[in-house]
Amino acid sequence: MAENHPLLTLETVLLIAVGGFLGANSRHLIAVSTPGLWGTFVANALGSFLLGFVLYEAMYTGLLADETRLVLATGFLSSFTTYSTFALETVQSTPLLGLLNVTGNYAFGFTGVVLGGRVAARLEQE
């Protein structure tokens, strides 16, 4: 089938939609169980780690199919992590808590991507 066939486009859209549905509902569960800044922090830090793993896994091992990466990275994790809520909660916080929130989210986000990449790299060695 041609790469630009409408059924392949539809498949891509549906895969992203399924991942997005699961990611948004998982994010909601975190928000209910851990409300406020902590819930957003947990979602963003965990999402960064998972995104780092999924994307570096493609470079190191390629065990996950392209479709699986679409569901996880573009669908699930895009709905699971949330920049807009992070920004709103930061602005609504006290200046000190807002600064800690920004510092923590970015520090754990970047660290999560690096650690996710390292875990994926270890799979290559096995």
PDB file of N, CA and C in Angstrom:
ATOM      1  N   MET A   1       0.856  -1.176   0.000  1.00  0.00           N
ATOM      2  CA  MET A   1       0.000   0.000   0.000  1.00  0.00           C
ATOM      3  C   MET A   1       0.901   1.238   0.000  1.00  0.00           C
ATOM      4  N   ALA A   2       0.528   2.233  -0.760  1.00  0.00           N
ATOM      5  CA  ALA A   2       1.321   3.457  -0.851  1.00  0.00           C
ATOM      6  C   ALA A   2       1.408   4.140   0.506  1.00  0.00           C
ATOM      7  N   GLU A   3       2.555   4.805   0.757  1.00  0.00           N
ATOM      8  CA  GLU A   3       2.792   5.432   2.060  1.00  0.00           C
ATOM      9  C   GLU A   3       1.791   6.531   2.391  1.00  0.00           C
ATOM     10  N   ASN A   4       1.248   7.174   1.376  1.00  0.00           N
ATOM     11  CA  ASN A   4       0.295   8.251   1.621  1.00  0.00           C
ATOM     12  C   ASN A   4      -1.156   7.826   1.395  1.00  0.00           C
ATOM     13  N   HIS A   5      -1.413   6.550   1.441  1.00  0.00           N
ATOM     14  CA  HIS A   5      -2.763   6.028   1.246  1.00  0.00           C
ATOM     15  C   HIS A   5      -3.678   6.517   2.368  1.00  0.00           C
ATOM     16  N   PRO A   6      -4.916   6.867   2.034  1.00  0.00           N
ATOM     17  CA  PRO A   6      -5.841   7.379   3.058  1.00  0.00           C
ATOM     18  C   PRO A   6      -6.050   6.438   4.242  1.00  0.00           C
ATOM     19  N   LEU A   7      -6.006   5.121   4.006  1.00  0.00           N
ATOM     20  CA  LEU A   7      -6.182   4.188   5.128  1.00  0.00           C
ATOM     21  C   LEU A   7      -5.010   4.254   6.099  1.00  0.00           C
ATOM     22  N   LEU A   8      -3.808   4.505   5.609  1.00  0.00           N
ATOM     23  CA  LEU A   8      -2.660   4.656   6.505  1.00  0.00           C
ATOM     24  C   LEU A   8      -2.782   5.950   7.307  1.00  0.00           C
ATOM     25  N   THR A   9      -3.274   6.982   6.678  1.00  0.00           N
ATOM     26  CA  THR A   9      -3.506   8.235   7.397  1.00  0.00           C
ATOM     27  C   THR A   9      -4.558   8.033   8.468  1.00  0.00           C
ATOM     28  N   LEU A  10      -5.630   7.338   8.136  1.00  0.00           N
ATOM     29  CA  LEU A  10      -6.693   7.050   9.109  1.00  0.00           C
ATOM     30  C   LEU A  10      -6.152   6.197  10.246  1.00  0.00           C
ATOM     31  N   GLU A  11      -5.341   5.206   9.931  1.00  0.00           N
ATOM     32  CA  GLU A  11      -4.742   4.365  10.973  1.00  0.00           C
ATOM     33  C   GLU A  11      -3.903   5.212  11.924  1.00  0.00           C
ATOM     34  N   THR A  12      -3.102   6.106  11.385  1.00  0.00           N
ATOM     35  CA  THR A  12      -2.264   6.974  12.210  1.00  0.00           C
ATOM     36  C   THR A  12      -3.113   7.835  13.131  1.00  0.00           C
ATOM     37  N   VAL A  13      -4.148   8.439  12.589  1.00  0.00           N
ATOM     38  CA  VAL A  13      -5.035   9.293  13.384  1.00  0.00           C
ATOM     39  C   VAL A  13      -5.706   8.485  14.489  1.00  0.00           C
ATOM     40  N   LEU A  14      -6.166   7.286  14.178  1.00  0.00           N
ATOM     41  CA  LEU A  14      -6.827   6.447  15.180  1.00  0.00           C
ATOM     42  C   LEU A  14      -5.857   5.978  16.271  1.00  0.00           C
ATOM     43  N   LEU A  15      -4.646   5.641  15.887  1.00  0.00           N
ATOM     44  CA  LEU A  15      -3.652   5.224  16.883  1.00  0.00           C
ATOM     45  C   LEU A  15      -3.341   6.364  17.848  1.00  0.00           C
ATOM     46  N   ILE A  16      -3.170   7.559  17.311  1.00  0.00           N
ATOM     47  CA  ILE A  16      -2.906   8.719  18.164  1.00  0.00           C
ATOM     48  C   ILE A  16      -4.109   9.002  19.054  1.00  0.00           C
ATOM     49  N   ALA A  17      -5.307   8.847  18.512  1.00  0.00           N
ATOM     50  CA  ALA A  17      -6.528   9.090  19.293  1.00  0.00           C
ATOM     51  C   ALA A  17      -6.656   8.100  20.450  1.00  0.00           C
ATOM     52  N   VAL A  18      -6.351   6.841  20.203  1.00  0.00           N
ATOM     53  CA  VAL A  18      -6.408   5.835  21.271  1.00  0.00           C
ATOM     54  C   VAL A  18      -5.396   6.179  22.362  1.00  0.00           C
ATOM     55  N   GLY A  19      -4.180   6.492  21.957  1.00  0.00           N
ATOM     56  CA  GLY A  19      -3.159   6.880  22.928  1.00  0.00           C
ATOM     57  C   GLY A  19      -3.559   8.128  23.693  1.00  0.00           C
ATOM     58  N   GLY A  20      -4.109   9.113  22.991  1.00  0.00           N
ATOM     59  CA  GLY A  20      -4.552  10.347  23.631  1.00  0.00           C
ATOM     60  C   GLY A  20      -5.659  10.106  24.640  1.00  0.00           C
ATOM     61  N   PHE A  21      -6.589   9.249  24.300  1.00  0.00           N
ATOM     62  CA  PHE A  21      -7.680   8.902  25.214  1.00  0.00           C
ATOM     63  C   PHE A  21      -7.125   8.279  26.497  1.00  0.00           C
ATOM     64  N   LEU A  22      -6.209   7.336  26.337  1.00  0.00           N
ATOM     65  CA  LEU A  22      -5.621   6.665  27.506  1.00  0.00           C
ATOM     66  C   LEU A  22      -4.753   7.623  28.319  1.00  0.00           C
ATOM     67  N   GLY A  23      -4.004   8.474  27.641  1.00  0.00           N
ATOM     68  CA  GLY A  23      -3.151   9.433  28.338  1.00  0.00           C
ATOM     69  C   GLY A  23      -3.955  10.463  29.120  1.00  0.00           C
ATOM     70  N   ALA A  24      -5.015  10.974  28.507  1.00  0.00           N
ATOM     71  CA  ALA A  24      -5.847  11.975  29.179  1.00  0.00           C
ATOM     72  C   ALA A  24      -6.530  11.374  30.401  1.00  0.00           C
ATOM     73  N   ASN A  25      -7.002  10.156  30.288  1.00  0.00           N
ATOM     74  CA  ASN A  25      -7.649   9.516  31.436  1.00  0.00           C
ATOM     75  C   ASN A  25      -6.653   9.160  32.526  1.00  0.00           C
ATOM     76  N   SER A  26      -5.457   8.765  32.148  1.00  0.00           N
ATOM     77  CA  SER A  26      -4.413   8.506  33.148  1.00  0.00           C
ATOM     78  C   SER A  26      -4.032   9.799  33.865  1.00  0.00           C
ATOM     79  N   ARG A  27      -3.959  10.878  33.116  1.00  0.00           N
ATOM     80  CA  ARG A  27      -3.649  12.183  33.710  1.00  0.00           C
ATOM     81  C   ARG A  27      -4.740  12.587  34.686  1.00  0.00           C
ATOM     82  N   HIS A  28      -5.981  12.323  34.325  1.00  0.00           N
ATOM     83  CA  HIS A  28      -7.101  12.636  35.213  1.00  0.00           C
ATOM     84  C   HIS A  28      -7.000  11.825  36.509  1.00  0.00           C
ATOM     85  N   LEU A  29      -6.637  10.564  36.413  1.00  0.00           N
ATOM     86  CA  LEU A  29      -6.476   9.742  37.620  1.00  0.00           C
ATOM     87  C   LEU A  29      -5.398  10.306  38.535  1.00  0.00           C
ATOM     88  N   ILE A  30      -4.307  10.776  37.958  1.00  0.00           N
ATOM     89  CA  ILE A  30      -3.259  11.395  38.777  1.00  0.00           C
ATOM     90  C   ILE A  30      -3.786  12.680  39.409  1.00  0.00           C
ATOM     91  N   ALA A  31      -4.529  13.469  38.647  1.00  0.00           N
ATOM     92  CA  ALA A  31      -5.071  14.730  39.176  1.00  0.00           C
ATOM     93  C   ALA A  31      -6.021  14.478  40.335  1.00  0.00           C
ATOM     94  N   VAL A  32      -6.802  13.425  40.256  1.00  0.00           N
ATOM     95  CA  VAL A  32      -7.743  13.095  41.325  1.00  0.00           C
ATOM     96  C   VAL A  32      -7.012  12.556  42.545  1.00  0.00           C
ATOM     97  N   SER A  33      -6.002  11.732  42.322  1.00  0.00           N
ATOM     98  CA  SER A  33      -5.306  11.112  43.453  1.00  0.00           C
ATOM     99  C   SER A  33      -4.221  12.018  44.045  1.00  0.00           C
ATOM    100  N   THR A  34      -3.676  12.910  43.245  1.00  0.00           N
ATOM    101  CA  THR A  34      -2.621  13.818  43.703  1.00  0.00           C
ATOM    102  C   THR A  34      -2.902  15.201  43.121  1.00  0.00           C
ATOM    103  N   PRO A  35      -3.821  15.946  43.718  1.00  0.00           N
ATOM    104  CA  PRO A  35      -4.233  17.212  43.120  1.00  0.00           C
ATOM    105  C   PRO A  35      -3.172  18.316  43.241  1.00  0.00           C
ATOM    106  N   GLY A  36      -3.341  19.334  42.427  1.00  0.00           N
ATOM    107  CA  GLY A  36      -2.498  20.523  42.509  1.00  0.00           C
ATOM    108  C   GLY A  36      -1.142  20.355  41.867  1.00  0.00           C
ATOM    109  N   LEU A  37      -0.205  21.109  42.391  1.00  0.00           N
ATOM    110  CA  LEU A  37       1.146  21.132  41.835  1.00  0.00           C
ATOM    111  C   LEU A  37       1.795  19.752  41.788  1.00  0.00           C
ATOM    112  N   TRP A  38       1.571  18.954  42.814  1.00  0.00           N
ATOM    113  CA  TRP A  38       2.221  17.638  42.873  1.00  0.00           C
ATOM    114  C   TRP A  38       1.733  16.712  41.772  1.00  0.00           C
ATOM    115  N   GLY A  39       0.454  16.732  41.487  1.00  0.00           N
ATOM    116  CA  GLY A  39      -0.083  15.878  40.425  1.00  0.00           C
ATOM    117  C   GLY A  39       0.496  16.239  39.072  1.00  0.00           C
ATOM    118  N   THR A  40       0.567  17.534  38.799  1.00  0.00           N
ATOM    119  CA  THR A  40       1.144  17.995  37.536  1.00  0.00           C
ATOM    120  C   THR A  40       2.627  17.649  37.473  1.00  0.00           C
ATOM    121  N   PHE A  41       3.326  17.841  38.579  1.00  0.00           N
ATOM    122  CA  PHE A  41       4.748  17.510  38.651  1.00  0.00           C
ATOM    123  C   PHE A  41       4.975  16.020  38.366  1.00  0.00           C
ATOM    124  N   VAL A  42       4.191  15.163  39.008  1.00  0.00           N
ATOM    125  CA  VAL A  42       4.333  13.713  38.811  1.00  0.00           C
ATOM    126  C   VAL A  42       4.084  13.347  37.348  1.00  0.00           C
ATOM    127  N   ALA A  43       3.016  13.893  36.770  1.00  0.00           N
ATOM    128  CA  ALA A  43       2.695  13.586  35.370  1.00  0.00           C
ATOM    129  C   ALA A  43       3.805  14.052  34.435  1.00  0.00           C
ATOM    130  N   ASN A  44       4.302  15.254  34.649  1.00  0.00           N
ATOM    131  CA  ASN A  44       5.339  15.783  33.760  1.00  0.00           C
ATOM    132  C   ASN A  44       6.670  15.056  33.924  1.00  0.00           C
ATOM    133  N   ALA A  45       7.067  14.746  35.149  1.00  0.00           N
ATOM    134  CA  ALA A  45       8.333  14.041  35.367  1.00  0.00           C
ATOM    135  C   ALA A  45       8.262  12.613  34.816  1.00  0.00           C
ATOM    136  N   LEU A  46       7.192  11.916  35.124  1.00  0.00           N
ATOM    137  CA  LEU A  46       7.023  10.553  34.622  1.00  0.00           C
ATOM    138  C   LEU A  46       6.901  10.541  33.103  1.00  0.00           C
ATOM    139  N   GLY A  47       6.135  11.474  32.572  1.00  0.00           N
ATOM    140  CA  GLY A  47       5.982  11.567  31.119  1.00  0.00           C
ATOM    141  C   GLY A  47       7.296  11.856  30.421  1.00  0.00           C
ATOM    142  N   SER A  48       8.129  12.702  31.003  1.00  0.00           N
ATOM    143  CA  SER A  48       9.438  13.003  30.412  1.00  0.00           C
ATOM    144  C   SER A  48      10.325  11.763  30.390  1.00  0.00           C
ATOM    145  N   PHE A  49      10.318  11.015  31.491  1.00  0.00           N
ATOM    146  CA  PHE A  49      11.088   9.775  31.542  1.00  0.00           C
ATOM    147  C   PHE A  49      10.606   8.799  30.460  1.00  0.00           C
ATOM    148  N   LEU A  50       9.302   8.611  30.376  1.00  0.00           N
ATOM    149  CA  LEU A  50       8.755   7.664  29.399  1.00  0.00           C
ATOM    150  C   LEU A  50       9.021   8.112  27.963  1.00  0.00           C
ATOM    151  N   LEU A  51       8.907   9.415  27.701  1.00  0.00           N
ATOM    152  CA  LEU A  51       9.191   9.912  26.356  1.00  0.00           C
ATOM    153  C   LEU A  51      10.657   9.698  26.006  1.00  0.00           C
ATOM    154  N   GLY A  52      11.540   9.983  26.965  1.00  0.00           N
ATOM    155  CA  GLY A  52      12.957   9.729  26.732  1.00  0.00           C
ATOM    156  C   GLY A  52      13.210   8.265  26.414  1.00  0.00           C
ATOM    157  N   PHE A  53      12.563   7.387  27.164  1.00  0.00           N
ATOM    158  CA  PHE A  53      12.729   5.953  26.918  1.00  0.00           C
ATOM    159  C   PHE A  53      12.231   5.561  25.530  1.00  0.00           C
ATOM    160  N   VAL A  54      11.019   5.971  25.197  1.00  0.00           N
ATOM    161  CA  VAL A  54      10.413   5.569  23.920  1.00  0.00           C
ATOM    162  C   VAL A  54      11.231   6.085  22.741  1.00  0.00           C
ATOM    163  N   LEU A  55      11.641   7.335  22.797  1.00  0.00           N
ATOM    164  CA  LEU A  55      12.359   7.900  21.657  1.00  0.00           C
ATOM    165  C   LEU A  55      13.789   7.374  21.549  1.00  0.00           C
ATOM    166  N   TYR A  56      14.465   7.195  22.668  1.00  0.00           N
ATOM    167  CA  TYR A  56      15.810   6.634  22.604  1.00  0.00           C
ATOM    168  C   TYR A  56      15.786   5.146  22.309  1.00  0.00           C
ATOM    169  N   GLU A  57      14.743   4.475  22.707  1.00  0.00           N
ATOM    170  CA  GLU A  57      14.607   3.055  22.383  1.00  0.00           C
ATOM    171  C   GLU A  57      14.622   2.882  20.873  1.00  0.00           C
ATOM    172  N   ALA A  58      14.009   3.800  20.161  1.00  0.00           N
ATOM    173  CA  ALA A  58      13.995   3.728  18.699  1.00  0.00           C
ATOM    174  C   ALA A  58      15.416   3.808  18.142  1.00  0.00           C
ATOM    175  N   MET A  59      16.244   4.631  18.750  1.00  0.00           N
ATOM    176  CA  MET A  59      17.629   4.783  18.290  1.00  0.00           C
ATOM    177  C   MET A  59      18.489   3.567  18.635  1.00  0.00           C
ATOM    178  N   TYR A  60      18.284   3.021  19.829  1.00  0.00           N
ATOM    179  CA  TYR A  60      19.181   1.973  20.307  1.00  0.00           C
ATOM    180  C   TYR A  60      18.768   0.564  19.912  1.00  0.00           C
ATOM    181  N   THR A  61      17.488   0.256  20.018  1.00  0.00           N
ATOM    182  CA  THR A  61      17.087  -1.129  19.764  1.00  0.00           C
ATOM    183  C   THR A  61      16.067  -1.268  18.645  1.00  0.00           C
ATOM    184  N   GLY A  62      15.154  -0.337  18.539  1.00  0.00           N
ATOM    185  CA  GLY A  62      14.124  -0.421  17.512  1.00  0.00           C
ATOM    186  C   GLY A  62      13.159  -1.570  17.716  1.00  0.00           C
ATOM    187  N   LEU A  63      13.016  -2.031  18.956  1.00  0.00           N
ATOM    188  CA  LEU A  63      12.107  -3.147  19.228  1.00  0.00           C
ATOM    189  C   LEU A  63      10.641  -2.740  19.122  1.00  0.00           C
ATOM    190  N   LEU A  64      10.348  -1.497  19.475  1.00  0.00           N
ATOM    191  CA  LEU A  64       8.971  -1.028  19.384  1.00  0.00           C
ATOM    192  C   LEU A  64       8.643  -0.667  17.941  1.00  0.00           C
ATOM    193  N   ALA A  65       7.479  -1.058  17.494  1.00  0.00           N
ATOM    194  CA  ALA A  65       7.041  -0.713  16.140  1.00  0.00           C
ATOM    195  C   ALA A  65       6.743   0.782  16.052  1.00  0.00           C
ATOM    196  N   ASP A  66       6.816   1.317  14.854  1.00  0.00           N
ATOM    197  CA  ASP A  66       6.505   2.737  14.654  1.00  0.00           C
ATOM    198  C   ASP A  66       5.112   3.070  15.170  1.00  0.00           C
ATOM    199  N   GLU A  67       4.178   2.157  14.965  1.00  0.00           N
ATOM    200  CA  GLU A  67       2.808   2.383  15.428  1.00  0.00           C
ATOM    201  C   GLU A  67       2.737   2.455  16.951  1.00  0.00           C
ATOM    202  N   THR A  68       3.529   1.640  17.620  1.00  0.00           N
ATOM    203  CA  THR A  68       3.560   1.658  19.084  1.00  0.00           C
ATOM    204  C   THR A  68       4.118   2.984  19.581  1.00  0.00           C
ATOM    205  N   ARG A  69       5.158   3.462  18.914  1.00  0.00           N
ATOM    206  CA  ARG A  69       5.717   4.760  19.288  1.00  0.00           C
ATOM    207  C   ARG A  69       4.701   5.879  19.078  1.00  0.00           C
ATOM    208  N   LEU A  70       3.924   5.793  18.008  1.00  0.00           N
ATOM    209  CA  LEU A  70       2.875   6.791  17.771  1.00  0.00           C
ATOM    210  C   LEU A  70       1.860   6.796  18.907  1.00  0.00           C
ATOM    211  N   VAL A  71       1.409   5.612  19.282  1.00  0.00           N
ATOM    212  CA  VAL A  71       0.419   5.511  20.363  1.00  0.00           C
ATOM    213  C   VAL A  71       1.001   6.062  21.662  1.00  0.00           C
ATOM    214  N   LEU A  72       2.228   5.663  21.993  1.00  0.00           N
ATOM    215  CA  LEU A  72       2.831   6.065  23.264  1.00  0.00           C
ATOM    216  C   LEU A  72       3.288   7.518  23.276  1.00  0.00           C
ATOM    217  N   ALA A  73       4.113   7.901  22.322  1.00  0.00           N
ATOM    218  CA  ALA A  73       4.730   9.235  22.362  1.00  0.00           C
ATOM    219  C   ALA A  73       3.768  10.333  21.937  1.00  0.00           C
ATOM    220  N   THR A  74       3.227  10.222  20.747  1.00  0.00           N
ATOM    221  CA  THR A  74       2.372  11.286  20.228  1.00  0.00           C
ATOM    222  C   THR A  74       0.999  11.263  20.874  1.00  0.00           C
ATOM    223  N   GLY A  75       0.433  10.087  21.081  1.00  0.00           N
ATOM    224  CA  GLY A  75      -0.901   9.999  21.662  1.00  0.00           C
ATOM    225  C   GLY A  75      -0.913  10.075  23.174  1.00  0.00           C
ATOM    226  N   PHE A  76      -0.431   9.021  23.819  1.00  0.00           N
ATOM    227  CA  PHE A  76      -0.525   8.897  25.278  1.00  0.00           C
ATOM    228  C   PHE A  76       0.214  10.014  26.005  1.00  0.00           C
ATOM    229  N   LEU A  77       1.502  10.161  25.726  1.00  0.00           N
ATOM    230  CA  LEU A  77       2.315  11.094  26.504  1.00  0.00           C
ATOM    231  C   LEU A  77       1.979  12.559  26.229  1.00  0.00           C
ATOM    232  N   SER A  78       1.512  12.853  25.025  1.00  0.00           N
ATOM    233  CA  SER A  78       1.093  14.231  24.744  1.00  0.00           C
ATOM    234  C   SER A  78      -0.143  14.608  25.551  1.00  0.00           C
ATOM    235  N   SER A  79      -0.993  13.651  25.819  1.00  0.00           N
ATOM    236  CA  SER A  79      -2.180  13.917  26.638  1.00  0.00           C
ATOM    237  C   SER A  79      -1.904  13.765  28.125  1.00  0.00           C
ATOM    238  N   PHE A  80      -0.924  12.970  28.458  1.00  0.00           N
ATOM    239  CA  PHE A  80      -0.598  12.695  29.857  1.00  0.00           C
ATOM    240  C   PHE A  80       0.133  13.864  30.507  1.00  0.00           C
ATOM    241  N   THR A  81       1.116  14.417  29.806  1.00  0.00           N
ATOM    242  CA  THR A  81       1.858  15.561  30.345  1.00  0.00           C
ATOM    243  C   THR A  81       1.079  16.837  30.042  1.00  0.00           C
ATOM    244  N   THR A  82       1.366  17.892  30.792  1.00  0.00           N
ATOM    245  CA  THR A  82       0.560  19.088  30.612  1.00  0.00           C
ATOM    246  C   THR A  82       1.338  20.357  30.919  1.00  0.00           C
ATOM    247  N   TYR A  83       1.669  21.081  29.874  1.00  0.00           N
ATOM    248  CA  TYR A  83       2.378  22.343  30.067  1.00  0.00           C
ATOM    249  C   TYR A  83       1.421  23.446  30.514  1.00  0.00           C
ATOM    250  N   SER A  84       0.239  23.475  29.964  1.00  0.00           N
ATOM    251  CA  SER A  84      -0.700  24.559  30.288  1.00  0.00           C
ATOM    252  C   SER A  84      -1.099  24.533  31.763  1.00  0.00           C
ATOM    253  N   THR A  85      -1.354  23.368  32.312  1.00  0.00           N
ATOM    254  CA  THR A  85      -1.694  23.279  33.735  1.00  0.00           C
ATOM    255  C   THR A  85      -0.497  23.669  34.589  1.00  0.00           C
ATOM    256  N   PHE A  86       0.684  23.226  34.183  1.00  0.00           N
ATOM    257  CA  PHE A  86       1.916  23.597  34.874  1.00  0.00           C
ATOM    258  C   PHE A  86       2.065  25.120  34.911  1.00  0.00           C
ATOM    259  N   ALA A  87       1.847  25.779  33.785  1.00  0.00           N
ATOM    260  CA  ALA A  87       1.983  27.238  33.720  1.00  0.00           C
ATOM    261  C   ALA A  87       0.938  27.930  34.592  1.00  0.00           C
ATOM    262  N   LEU A  88      -0.300  27.477  34.521  1.00  0.00           N
ATOM    263  CA  LEU A  88      -1.373  28.081  35.321  1.00  0.00           C
ATOM    264  C   LEU A  88      -1.115  27.908  36.815  1.00  0.00           C
ATOM    265  N   GLU A  89      -0.781  26.710  37.238  1.00  0.00           N
ATOM    266  CA  GLU A  89      -0.527  26.463  38.659  1.00  0.00           C
ATOM    267  C   GLU A  89       0.669  27.264  39.162  1.00  0.00           C
ATOM    268  N   THR A  90       1.659  27.440  38.303  1.00  0.00           N
ATOM    269  CA  THR A  90       2.831  28.228  38.685  1.00  0.00           C
ATOM    270  C   THR A  90       2.442  29.684  38.912  1.00  0.00           C
ATOM    271  N   VAL A  91       1.662  30.249  38.005  1.00  0.00           N
ATOM    272  CA  VAL A  91       1.237  31.646  38.122  1.00  0.00           C
ATOM    273  C   VAL A  91       0.347  31.840  39.344  1.00  0.00           C
ATOM    274  N   GLN A  92      -0.463  30.859  39.678  1.00  0.00           N
ATOM    275  CA  GLN A  92      -1.391  30.967  40.812  1.00  0.00           C
ATOM    276  C   GLN A  92      -0.710  30.717  42.160  1.00  0.00           C
ATOM    277  N   SER A  93       0.533  30.257  42.143  1.00  0.00           N
ATOM    278  CA  SER A  93       1.251  29.954  43.385  1.00  0.00           C
ATOM    279  C   SER A  93       1.896  31.211  43.960  1.00  0.00           C
ATOM    280  N   THR A  94       2.375  31.074  45.181  1.00  0.00           N
ATOM    281  CA  THR A  94       3.193  32.144  45.748  1.00  0.00           C
ATOM    282  C   THR A  94       4.477  32.232  44.935  1.00  0.00           C
ATOM    283  N   PRO A  95       5.166  33.362  44.948  1.00  0.00           N
ATOM    284  CA  PRO A  95       6.394  33.473  44.148  1.00  0.00           C
ATOM    285  C   PRO A  95       7.430  32.389  44.459  1.00  0.00           C
ATOM    286  N   LEU A  96       7.629  32.074  45.715  1.00  0.00           N
ATOM    287  CA  LEU A  96       8.616  31.056  46.068  1.00  0.00           C
ATOM    288  C   LEU A  96       8.186  29.672  45.581  1.00  0.00           C
ATOM    289  N   LEU A  97       6.933  29.314  45.824  1.00  0.00           N
ATOM    290  CA  LEU A  97       6.439  28.012  45.368  1.00  0.00           C
ATOM    291  C   LEU A  97       6.441  27.941  43.842  1.00  0.00           C
ATOM    292  N   GLY A  98       6.119  29.036  43.185  1.00  0.00           N
ATOM    293  CA  GLY A  98       6.158  29.074  41.723  1.00  0.00           C
ATOM    294  C   GLY A  98       7.564  28.841  41.191  1.00  0.00           C
ATOM    295  N   LEU A  99       8.546  29.475  41.809  1.00  0.00           N
ATOM    296  CA  LEU A  99       9.939  29.289  41.410  1.00  0.00           C
ATOM    297  C   LEU A  99      10.372  27.841  41.627  1.00  0.00           C
ATOM    298  N   LEU A 100      10.001  27.283  42.767  1.00  0.00           N
ATOM    299  CA  LEU A 100      10.331  25.875  43.041  1.00  0.00           C
ATOM    300  C   LEU A 100       9.639  24.954  42.042  1.00  0.00           C
ATOM    301  N   ASN A 101       8.413  25.277  41.676  1.00  0.00           N
ATOM    302  CA  ASN A 101       7.659  24.469  40.719  1.00  0.00           C
ATOM    303  C   ASN A 101       8.335  24.484  39.345  1.00  0.00           C
ATOM    304  N   VAL A 102       8.726  25.656  38.881  1.00  0.00           N
ATOM    305  CA  VAL A 102       9.399  25.757  37.581  1.00  0.00           C
ATOM    306  C   VAL A 102      10.723  25.002  37.619  1.00  0.00           C
ATOM    307  N   THR A 103      11.507  25.256  38.660  1.00  0.00           N
ATOM    308  CA  THR A 103      12.808  24.592  38.787  1.00  0.00           C
ATOM    309  C   THR A 103      12.650  23.076  38.857  1.00  0.00           C
ATOM    310  N   GLY A 104      11.729  22.615  39.668  1.00  0.00           N
ATOM    311  CA  GLY A 104      11.519  21.174  39.824  1.00  0.00           C
ATOM    312  C   GLY A 104      11.023  20.507  38.554  1.00  0.00           C
ATOM    313  N   ASN A 105      10.045  21.117  37.897  1.00  0.00           N
ATOM    314  CA  ASN A 105       9.503  20.522  36.676  1.00  0.00           C
ATOM    315  C   ASN A 105      10.560  20.424  35.584  1.00  0.00           C
ATOM    316  N   TYR A 106      11.317  21.496  35.394  1.00  0.00           N
ATOM    317  CA  TYR A 106      12.335  21.444  34.349  1.00  0.00           C
ATOM    318  C   TYR A 106      13.483  20.516  34.729  1.00  0.00           C
ATOM    319  N   ALA A 107      13.919  20.561  35.958  1.00  0.00           N
ATOM    320  CA  ALA A 107      15.015  19.688  36.386  1.00  0.00           C
ATOM    321  C   ALA A 107      14.624  18.219  36.260  1.00  0.00           C
ATOM    322  N   PHE A 108      13.457  17.876  36.767  1.00  0.00           N
ATOM    323  CA  PHE A 108      13.025  16.480  36.694  1.00  0.00           C
ATOM    324  C   PHE A 108      12.630  16.086  35.276  1.00  0.00           C
ATOM    325  N   GLY A 109      12.132  17.038  34.503  1.00  0.00           N
ATOM    326  CA  GLY A 109      11.792  16.746  33.109  1.00  0.00           C
ATOM    327  C   GLY A 109      13.020  16.394  32.294  1.00  0.00           C
ATOM    328  N   PHE A 110      14.042  17.247  32.354  1.00  0.00           N
ATOM    329  CA  PHE A 110      15.273  16.968  31.613  1.00  0.00           C
ATOM    330  C   PHE A 110      15.964  15.723  32.138  1.00  0.00           C
ATOM    331  N   THR A 111      16.004  15.572  33.456  1.00  0.00           N
ATOM    332  CA  THR A 111      16.617  14.385  34.050  1.00  0.00           C
ATOM    333  C   THR A 111      15.855  13.131  33.636  1.00  0.00           C
ATOM    334  N   GLY A 112      14.532  13.222  33.597  1.00  0.00           N
ATOM    335  CA  GLY A 112      13.722  12.080  33.176  1.00  0.00           C
ATOM    336  C   GLY A 112      14.026  11.643  31.759  1.00  0.00           C
ATOM    337  N   VAL A 113      14.180  12.592  30.853  1.00  0.00           N
ATOM    338  CA  VAL A 113      14.505  12.256  29.465  1.00  0.00           C
ATOM    339  C   VAL A 113      15.869  11.565  29.400  1.00  0.00           C
ATOM    340  N   VAL A 114      16.833  12.098  30.121  1.00  0.00           N
ATOM    341  CA  VAL A 114      18.182  11.507  30.128  1.00  0.00           C
ATOM    342  C   VAL A 114      18.145  10.093  30.712  1.00  0.00           C
ATOM    343  N   LEU A 115      17.465   9.932  31.850  1.00  0.00           N
ATOM    344  CA  LEU A 115      17.386   8.601  32.471  1.00  0.00           C
ATOM    345  C   LEU A 115      16.622   7.620  31.590  1.00  0.00           C
ATOM    346  N   GLY A 116      15.542   8.078  30.967  1.00  0.00           N
ATOM    347  CA  GLY A 116      14.804   7.216  30.038  1.00  0.00           C
ATOM    348  C   GLY A 116      15.689   6.760  28.894  1.00  0.00           C
ATOM    349  N   GLY A 117      16.510   7.670  28.392  1.00  0.00           N
ATOM    350  CA  GLY A 117      17.453   7.309  27.328  1.00  0.00           C
ATOM    351  C   GLY A 117      18.484   6.295  27.795  1.00  0.00           C
ATOM    352  N   ARG A 118      18.943   6.456  29.026  1.00  0.00           N
ATOM    353  CA  ARG A 118      19.926   5.500  29.571  1.00  0.00           C
ATOM    354  C   ARG A 118      19.326   4.117  29.761  1.00  0.00           C
ATOM    355  N   VAL A 119      18.075   4.066  30.210  1.00  0.00           N
ATOM    356  CA  VAL A 119      17.407   2.766  30.349  1.00  0.00           C
ATOM    357  C   VAL A 119      17.260   2.119  28.981  1.00  0.00           C
ATOM    358  N   ALA A 120      16.898   2.906  27.982  1.00  0.00           N
ATOM    359  CA  ALA A 120      16.772   2.359  26.622  1.00  0.00           C
ATOM    360  C   ALA A 120      18.131   1.871  26.102  1.00  0.00           C
ATOM    361  N   ALA A 121      19.187   2.613  26.415  1.00  0.00           N
ATOM    362  CA  ALA A 121      20.528   2.211  25.965  1.00  0.00           C
ATOM    363  C   ALA A 121      20.950   0.886  26.597  1.00  0.00           C
ATOM    364  N   ARG A 122      20.516   0.666  27.829  1.00  0.00           N
ATOM    365  CA  ARG A 122      20.869  -0.596  28.505  1.00  0.00           C
ATOM    366  C   ARG A 122      20.200  -1.792  27.818  1.00  0.00           C
ATOM    367  N   LEU A 123      19.040  -1.566  27.209  1.00  0.00           N
ATOM    368  CA  LEU A 123      18.381  -2.644  26.478  1.00  0.00           C
ATOM    369  C   LEU A 123      19.222  -3.102  25.304  1.00  0.00           C
ATOM    370  N   GLU A 124      19.949  -2.172  24.689  1.00  0.00           N
ATOM    371  CA  GLU A 124      20.802  -2.495  23.562  1.00  0.00           C
ATOM    372  C   GLU A 124      21.921  -3.435  23.989  1.00  0.00           C
ATOM    373  N   GLN A 125      22.386  -3.286  25.212  1.00  0.00           N
ATOM    374  CA  GLN A 125      23.510  -4.063  25.702  1.00  0.00           C
ATOM    375  C   GLN A 125      23.107  -5.495  26.062  1.00  0.00           C
ATOM    376  N   GLU A 126      21.838  -5.699  26.277  1.00  0.00           N
ATOM    377  CA  GLU A 126      21.385  -7.028  26.710  1.00  0.00           C
ATOM    378  C   GLU A 126      21.184  -7.972  25.560  1.00  0.00           C
TER     379      GLU A 126
END
